[in-house]
């Protein structure tokens, strides 16, 4: 079964696979929450492509849940347009997203 990993003789069952392509949700101490693909990291600065500011969301209790499940109420979310080469300073949290979460976030209509 491909959802089982054995480490030091202990079996772990993978509940959901992360996309593994650098698509993450990051939280900045001063600028808010963003989702996108990592282009470059340098300490507490992350530069992202296809970056969206997650201004308001419903259908996920926290960004941790959003990184796993996405949002269940996309029509009530306010996610910005996508930016390229977007530097985010003061990153204090970085959470890899599952493919399900990425598809959900990317599926939210751009809020303008």
C-alpha atoms as a PDB file:
ATOM      1  CA  UNK A   1       0.000   0.000   0.000  1.00  0.00           C
ATOM      2  CA  UNK A   2       1.527   3.340  -1.023  1.00  0.00           C
ATOM      3  CA  UNK A   3       0.102   5.322   1.928  1.00  0.00           C
ATOM      4  CA  UNK A   4       2.245   3.453   4.471  1.00  0.00           C
ATOM      5  CA  UNK A   5       5.754   4.517   5.431  1.00  0.00           C
ATOM      6  CA  UNK A   6       8.059   2.468   7.650  1.00  0.00           C
ATOM      7  CA  UNK A   7      10.611   4.400   9.688  1.00  0.00           C
ATOM      8  CA  UNK A   8      12.883   2.558  12.123  1.00  0.00           C
ATOM      9  CA  UNK A   9      10.558  -0.437  11.966  1.00  0.00           C
ATOM     10  CA  UNK A  10       7.432   1.578  12.819  1.00  0.00           C
ATOM     11  CA  UNK A  11       4.570   1.766  10.287  1.00  0.00           C
ATOM     12  CA  UNK A  12       3.018   5.183   9.708  1.00  0.00           C
ATOM     13  CA  UNK A  13      -0.142   5.653   7.653  1.00  0.00           C
ATOM     14  CA  UNK A  14      -0.214   8.799   5.536  1.00  0.00           C
ATOM     15  CA  UNK A  15      -3.628  10.408   5.860  1.00  0.00           C
ATOM     16  CA  UNK A  16      -3.220  12.932   3.058  1.00  0.00           C
ATOM     17  CA  UNK A  17      -0.271  13.474   0.770  1.00  0.00           C
ATOM     18  CA  UNK A  18       1.250  16.948   0.537  1.00  0.00           C
ATOM     19  CA  UNK A  19       1.677  18.335  -2.947  1.00  0.00           C
ATOM     20  CA  UNK A  20       5.476  18.436  -2.549  1.00  0.00           C
ATOM     21  CA  UNK A  21       5.835  21.219  -5.115  1.00  0.00           C
ATOM     22  CA  UNK A  22       6.456  24.079  -2.706  1.00  0.00           C
ATOM     23  CA  UNK A  23       2.812  25.221  -2.513  1.00  0.00           C
ATOM     24  CA  UNK A  24       2.353  26.510   1.023  1.00  0.00           C
ATOM     25  CA  UNK A  25       0.377  28.802   3.264  1.00  0.00           C
ATOM     26  CA  UNK A  26       2.564  31.324   5.084  1.00  0.00           C
ATOM     27  CA  UNK A  27       1.723  33.748   7.855  1.00  0.00           C
ATOM     28  CA  UNK A  28       3.655  36.961   8.225  1.00  0.00           C
ATOM     29  CA  UNK A  29       3.858  38.621  11.631  1.00  0.00           C
ATOM     30  CA  UNK A  30       2.850  41.944  10.052  1.00  0.00           C
ATOM     31  CA  UNK A  31       1.413  41.374   6.569  1.00  0.00           C
ATOM     32  CA  UNK A  32      -1.167  38.605   6.946  1.00  0.00           C
ATOM     33  CA  UNK A  33      -1.653  35.182   5.395  1.00  0.00           C
ATOM     34  CA  UNK A  34      -0.615  34.105   1.887  1.00  0.00           C
ATOM     35  CA  UNK A  35      -0.764  30.988  -0.275  1.00  0.00           C
ATOM     36  CA  UNK A  36       1.422  30.223  -3.253  1.00  0.00           C
ATOM     37  CA  UNK A  37       4.447  28.431  -4.618  1.00  0.00           C
ATOM     38  CA  UNK A  38       7.794  29.055  -2.978  1.00  0.00           C
ATOM     39  CA  UNK A  39      10.357  30.591  -5.303  1.00  0.00           C
ATOM     40  CA  UNK A  40      13.051  31.394  -2.734  1.00  0.00           C
ATOM     41  CA  UNK A  41      13.556  31.329   1.027  1.00  0.00           C
ATOM     42  CA  UNK A  42      16.010  33.401   3.029  1.00  0.00           C
ATOM     43  CA  UNK A  43      15.407  33.204   6.767  1.00  0.00           C
ATOM     44  CA  UNK A  44      12.095  34.882   7.595  1.00  0.00           C
ATOM     45  CA  UNK A  45      11.639  36.105   4.008  1.00  0.00           C
ATOM     46  CA  UNK A  46       9.876  33.927   1.457  1.00  0.00           C
ATOM     47  CA  UNK A  47       9.415  34.911  -2.172  1.00  0.00           C
ATOM     48  CA  UNK A  48       6.422  33.310  -3.839  1.00  0.00           C
ATOM     49  CA  UNK A  49       4.894  32.945  -7.285  1.00  0.00           C
ATOM     50  CA  UNK A  50       1.181  32.606  -7.969  1.00  0.00           C
ATOM     51  CA  UNK A  51       0.807  34.203  -4.556  1.00  0.00           C
ATOM     52  CA  UNK A  52      -2.595  35.074  -3.101  1.00  0.00           C
ATOM     53  CA  UNK A  53      -3.321  37.072   0.038  1.00  0.00           C
ATOM     54  CA  UNK A  54      -5.914  35.162   2.061  1.00  0.00           C
ATOM     55  CA  UNK A  55      -7.817  38.148   3.416  1.00  0.00           C
ATOM     56  CA  UNK A  56     -10.912  36.354   4.725  1.00  0.00           C
ATOM     57  CA  UNK A  57     -12.006  32.736   4.758  1.00  0.00           C
ATOM     58  CA  UNK A  58     -14.885  30.597   5.907  1.00  0.00           C
ATOM     59  CA  UNK A  59     -15.121  26.849   5.914  1.00  0.00           C
ATOM     60  CA  UNK A  60     -11.817  26.220   7.714  1.00  0.00           C
ATOM     61  CA  UNK A  61     -11.212  26.809  11.418  1.00  0.00           C
ATOM     62  CA  UNK A  62      -7.584  27.867  10.947  1.00  0.00           C
ATOM     63  CA  UNK A  63      -4.826  28.088   8.385  1.00  0.00           C
ATOM     64  CA  UNK A  64      -3.656  24.692   9.620  1.00  0.00           C
ATOM     65  CA  UNK A  65      -6.965  23.133   8.609  1.00  0.00           C
ATOM     66  CA  UNK A  66      -6.973  25.109   5.360  1.00  0.00           C
ATOM     67  CA  UNK A  67      -3.561  23.627   4.459  1.00  0.00           C
ATOM     68  CA  UNK A  68      -4.993  20.117   4.868  1.00  0.00           C
ATOM     69  CA  UNK A  69      -8.621  20.385   3.711  1.00  0.00           C
ATOM     70  CA  UNK A  70      -8.919  23.699   1.888  1.00  0.00           C
ATOM     71  CA  UNK A  71     -12.107  25.698   2.463  1.00  0.00           C
ATOM     72  CA  UNK A  72     -15.637  24.340   2.365  1.00  0.00           C
ATOM     73  CA  UNK A  73     -17.297  27.721   1.688  1.00  0.00           C
ATOM     74  CA  UNK A  74     -15.273  29.184  -1.205  1.00  0.00           C
ATOM     75  CA  UNK A  75     -18.040  31.611  -2.163  1.00  0.00           C
ATOM     76  CA  UNK A  76     -17.593  33.387   1.199  1.00  0.00           C
ATOM     77  CA  UNK A  77     -13.791  33.686   0.967  1.00  0.00           C
ATOM     78  CA  UNK A  78     -11.854  36.814  -0.009  1.00  0.00           C
ATOM     79  CA  UNK A  79      -8.599  35.776  -1.679  1.00  0.00           C
ATOM     80  CA  UNK A  80      -6.681  38.365  -3.722  1.00  0.00           C
ATOM     81  CA  UNK A  81      -5.471  38.307  -7.291  1.00  0.00           C
ATOM     82  CA  UNK A  82      -2.319  36.281  -7.960  1.00  0.00           C
ATOM     83  CA  UNK A  83       1.056  38.028  -7.840  1.00  0.00           C
ATOM     84  CA  UNK A  84       4.472  36.963  -9.131  1.00  0.00           C
ATOM     85  CA  UNK A  85       7.808  37.295  -7.377  1.00  0.00           C
ATOM     86  CA  UNK A  86       6.040  38.439  -4.201  1.00  0.00           C
ATOM     87  CA  UNK A  87       8.417  38.842  -1.228  1.00  0.00           C
ATOM     88  CA  UNK A  88       6.831  38.269   2.170  1.00  0.00           C
ATOM     89  CA  UNK A  89       8.842  39.481   5.157  1.00  0.00           C
ATOM     90  CA  UNK A  90       8.584  38.402   8.777  1.00  0.00           C
ATOM     91  CA  UNK A  91       7.282  34.918   8.041  1.00  0.00           C
ATOM     92  CA  UNK A  92       6.511  33.207  11.325  1.00  0.00           C
ATOM     93  CA  UNK A  93       4.614  30.172  10.014  1.00  0.00           C
ATOM     94  CA  UNK A  94       4.883  28.020   6.866  1.00  0.00           C
ATOM     95  CA  UNK A  95       2.534  25.083   6.257  1.00  0.00           C
ATOM     96  CA  UNK A  96       2.815  22.738   3.248  1.00  0.00           C
ATOM     97  CA  UNK A  97      -0.514  22.191   1.493  1.00  0.00           C
ATOM     98  CA  UNK A  98      -2.128  18.993   0.313  1.00  0.00           C
ATOM     99  CA  UNK A  99      -3.194  18.850  -3.318  1.00  0.00           C
ATOM    100  CA  UNK A 100      -6.808  18.974  -2.108  1.00  0.00           C
ATOM    101  CA  UNK A 101      -6.115  22.219  -0.237  1.00  0.00           C
ATOM    102  CA  UNK A 102      -4.264  23.736  -3.185  1.00  0.00           C
ATOM    103  CA  UNK A 103      -7.120  22.941  -5.548  1.00  0.00           C
ATOM    104  CA  UNK A 104      -9.585  24.469  -3.080  1.00  0.00           C
ATOM    105  CA  UNK A 105      -7.574  27.680  -2.578  1.00  0.00           C
ATOM    106  CA  UNK A 106      -6.906  28.071  -6.288  1.00  0.00           C
ATOM    107  CA  UNK A 107     -10.612  27.511  -6.962  1.00  0.00           C
ATOM    108  CA  UNK A 108     -11.704  30.546  -4.936  1.00  0.00           C
ATOM    109  CA  UNK A 109     -12.735  33.419  -7.212  1.00  0.00           C
ATOM    110  CA  UNK A 110     -10.331  36.382  -7.128  1.00  0.00           C
ATOM    111  CA  UNK A 111     -11.595  39.092  -4.802  1.00  0.00           C
ATOM    112  CA  UNK A 112     -11.196  42.540  -6.358  1.00  0.00           C
END
